[in-house]
Amino acid sequence: MSNKKDAKKQESLSSEDMERLELLQKANQKIGRQLTINSETGNLEEFDELKQIISKEFENPEEKYQLYYNGIRKLLIDYLPKGKEFKQLRDIIYDEKNVFLNLGKKKSDNNGIRKSDGRMTYQPVMNEILEIIVKWVGESQNPFDLYRAFYDLNEKHNYGHEQYDKSTLNIANAMLSLGKK
């Protein structure tokens, strides 16, 4: 008796209803697979979404190494002032750079330990700071301008800034006021 009812239900369903029913049945068949409509043929096609996600290369370790060591780090070492008398200036600039690369994590948040490594940050983050450094090298090479650029970048992302003792804070504030906006 139920077979007759099912047959009558199927006969009373329109072709559109049948197509919807078929889509719903296909969608529930396999977990991790998605249905898509091929724009060229109009046919339903299935693709394994999980395989696509897993096989994607999100971060390229070699490119990340090149960006950090042969880009960011090398340019800063080559173009920031050298010598003991400029160490504090360099350290303040490096701190501001590291706040950005570590997505807002600061040494002052954890008694001098950042609990993050800027060398392992996302490649787009590295690219963003490298662009600023390259622009700085090509334009002014004034360390105060670079500090201002890093400071503004952290402000833009609401990351905050490293907390310093009073004398270092005075130097950081002076550097900020001397940098171009």
Protein backbone atom coordinates (compact mmCIF):
# COMPACT_ATOMS: atom_id res chain seq x y z
CA MET A 1 0.00 0.00 0.00
CA SER A 2 2.81 2.43 0.88
CA ASN A 3 4.45 1.77 -2.52
CA LYS A 4 1.25 2.95 -4.25
CA LYS A 5 1.21 6.12 -2.09
CA ASP A 6 4.90 6.81 -2.93
CA ALA A 7 4.21 6.28 -6.63
CA LYS A 8 1.23 8.68 -6.50
CA LYS A 9 3.36 11.28 -4.63
CA GLN A 10 6.09 11.04 -7.24
CA GLU A 11 3.58 11.37 -10.08
CA SER A 12 2.06 14.46 -8.47
CA LEU A 13 5.49 16.15 -8.06
CA SER A 14 6.43 18.55 -10.80
CA SER A 15 9.72 18.23 -12.63
CA GLU A 16 11.06 21.18 -10.60
CA ASP A 17 10.09 19.45 -7.36
CA MET A 18 11.80 16.28 -8.54
CA GLU A 19 14.94 18.25 -9.34
CA ARG A 20 14.90 19.86 -5.87
CA LEU A 21 14.44 16.48 -4.27
CA GLU A 22 17.35 15.09 -6.28
CA LEU A 23 19.56 18.02 -5.22
CA LEU A 24 18.67 17.54 -1.56
CA GLN A 25 19.41 13.82 -1.75
CA LYS A 26 22.76 14.42 -3.46
CA ALA A 27 23.70 17.10 -0.97
CA ASN A 28 23.15 14.72 1.94
CA GLN A 29 25.02 11.79 0.41
CA LYS A 30 28.64 12.67 1.14
CA ILE A 31 30.06 14.83 3.87
CA GLY A 32 32.93 17.08 2.79
CA ARG A 33 31.81 17.18 -0.80
CA GLN A 34 30.01 20.09 -2.37
CA LEU A 35 27.73 20.37 -5.34
CA THR A 36 28.28 23.09 -7.86
CA ILE A 37 26.70 23.98 -11.16
CA ASN A 38 29.12 24.07 -14.06
CA SER A 39 28.58 27.47 -15.68
CA GLU A 40 29.58 26.19 -19.11
CA THR A 41 27.49 23.02 -19.28
CA GLY A 42 24.82 23.71 -16.68
CA ASN A 43 25.40 20.26 -15.17
CA LEU A 44 25.67 19.47 -11.49
CA GLU A 45 29.21 18.60 -10.50
CA GLU A 46 30.67 17.39 -7.26
CA PHE A 47 34.01 18.45 -5.79
CA ASP A 48 35.77 17.38 -2.63
CA GLU A 49 36.03 20.57 -0.62
CA LEU A 50 38.17 19.03 2.12
CA LYS A 51 40.80 17.81 -0.34
CA GLN A 52 41.00 21.27 -1.89
CA ILE A 53 41.46 22.94 1.49
CA ILE A 54 44.09 20.46 2.67
CA SER A 55 46.06 20.51 -0.57
CA LYS A 56 46.31 24.32 -0.64
CA GLU A 57 49.64 25.74 0.39
CA PHE A 58 48.72 28.48 2.83
CA GLU A 59 52.22 29.52 3.77
CA ASN A 60 55.41 28.93 1.85
CA PRO A 61 58.29 28.42 4.33
CA GLU A 62 60.99 29.32 1.81
CA GLU A 63 59.24 32.52 0.79
CA LYS A 64 58.66 33.39 4.44
CA TYR A 65 62.38 32.88 5.17
CA GLN A 66 63.34 35.11 2.23
CA LEU A 67 60.88 37.81 3.28
CA TYR A 68 62.10 37.93 6.85
CA TYR A 69 65.86 37.37 6.63
CA ASN A 70 66.73 38.72 3.18
CA GLY A 71 64.08 41.42 3.20
CA ILE A 72 62.91 42.86 6.50
CA ARG A 73 65.90 42.02 8.68
CA LYS A 74 68.63 42.69 6.11
CA LEU A 75 67.25 46.08 5.09
CA LEU A 76 66.93 47.20 8.69
CA ILE A 77 70.47 46.08 9.54
CA ASP A 78 71.86 47.74 6.39
CA TYR A 79 70.02 51.07 6.68
CA LEU A 80 69.45 51.81 10.36
CA PRO A 81 72.27 53.75 12.08
CA LYS A 82 75.05 51.52 13.37
CA GLY A 83 77.05 51.72 16.57
CA LYS A 84 76.50 51.54 20.31
CA GLU A 85 75.24 55.12 20.50
CA PHE A 86 72.24 54.19 18.28
CA LYS A 87 71.39 50.86 19.93
CA GLN A 88 68.46 52.24 21.92
CA LEU A 89 67.04 53.91 18.80
CA ARG A 90 67.30 50.64 16.85
CA ASP A 91 65.75 48.66 19.70
CA ILE A 92 62.74 51.00 19.85
CA ILE A 93 62.22 50.64 16.08
CA TYR A 94 62.62 46.85 16.29
CA ASP A 95 60.08 46.74 19.14
CA GLU A 96 57.51 48.62 17.08
CA LYS A 97 58.19 46.32 14.10
CA ASN A 98 57.80 43.25 16.31
CA VAL A 99 54.51 44.46 17.79
CA PHE A 100 53.14 44.54 14.24
CA LEU A 101 54.66 41.22 13.12
CA ASN A 102 53.29 39.55 16.28
CA LEU A 103 49.82 40.97 15.70
CA GLY A 104 49.88 43.19 18.77
CA LYS A 105 51.73 40.97 21.25
CA LYS A 106 54.21 42.99 23.26
CA LYS A 107 57.09 42.15 25.59
CA SER A 108 55.62 44.52 28.15
CA ASP A 109 52.46 42.37 28.33
CA ASN A 110 54.33 39.41 29.85
CA ASN A 111 57.26 40.73 31.92
CA GLY A 112 59.65 40.96 28.98
CA ILE A 113 58.53 37.83 27.11
CA ARG A 114 56.49 38.33 23.94
CA LYS A 115 55.23 34.70 23.73
CA SER A 116 55.19 34.99 19.95
CA ASP A 117 57.71 34.96 17.11
CA GLY A 118 57.47 37.56 14.34
CA ARG A 119 59.40 35.29 11.96
CA MET A 120 56.44 32.91 12.01
CA THR A 121 53.73 35.47 11.26
CA TYR A 122 51.53 35.37 8.17
CA GLN A 123 53.14 36.19 4.84
CA PRO A 124 50.73 39.04 4.01
CA VAL A 125 51.72 40.68 7.33
CA MET A 126 55.40 40.34 6.40
CA ASN A 127 54.69 41.74 2.94
CA GLU A 128 52.94 44.76 4.44
CA ILE A 129 55.85 45.71 6.68
CA LEU A 130 58.41 44.97 3.96
CA GLU A 131 56.62 47.42 1.65
CA ILE A 132 56.96 50.12 4.32
CA ILE A 133 60.67 49.37 4.77
CA VAL A 134 61.36 49.37 1.01
CA LYS A 135 59.52 52.68 0.63
CA TRP A 136 61.53 54.10 3.54
CA VAL A 137 64.84 52.95 2.02
CA GLY A 138 63.88 54.48 -1.33
CA GLU A 139 62.74 57.78 0.13
CA SER A 140 64.16 59.21 3.36
CA GLN A 141 66.17 56.57 5.24
CA ASN A 142 65.51 58.71 8.30
CA PRO A 143 65.04 56.30 11.24
CA PHE A 144 62.48 58.64 12.81
CA ASP A 145 60.32 58.36 9.67
CA LEU A 146 60.51 54.57 9.85
CA TYR A 147 59.54 54.60 13.52
CA ARG A 148 56.59 56.89 12.71
CA ALA A 149 55.51 54.54 9.87
CA PHE A 150 55.63 51.48 12.17
CA TYR A 151 53.88 53.41 14.94
CA ASP A 152 51.09 54.49 12.58
CA LEU A 153 50.78 50.94 11.24
CA ASN A 154 50.22 49.61 14.77
CA GLU A 155 47.71 52.39 15.41
CA LYS A 156 45.85 51.48 12.22
CA HIS A 157 45.49 47.87 13.39
CA ASN A 158 44.77 48.81 17.04
CA TYR A 159 47.80 46.83 18.25
CA GLY A 160 49.06 49.39 20.71
CA HIS A 161 52.73 49.97 21.48
CA GLU A 162 55.49 48.65 23.70
CA GLN A 163 55.50 50.08 27.23
CA TYR A 164 58.83 51.58 28.29
CA ASP A 165 60.44 53.06 31.37
CA LYS A 166 60.38 56.85 31.58
CA SER A 167 63.74 57.56 29.88
CA THR A 168 63.10 55.18 26.97
CA LEU A 169 59.55 56.50 26.64
CA ASN A 170 60.94 60.04 26.33
CA ILE A 171 63.24 58.90 23.53
CA ALA A 172 60.40 57.05 21.77
CA ASN A 173 58.17 60.14 22.01
CA ALA A 174 60.96 62.35 20.66
CA MET A 175 61.49 59.94 17.76
CA LEU A 176 57.77 60.01 17.07
CA SER A 177 57.67 63.81 16.98
CA LEU A 178 60.71 63.96 14.67
CA GLY A 179 59.25 61.47 12.17
CA LYS A 180 57.22 62.66 9.18
CA LYS A 181 53.51 62.06 9.27
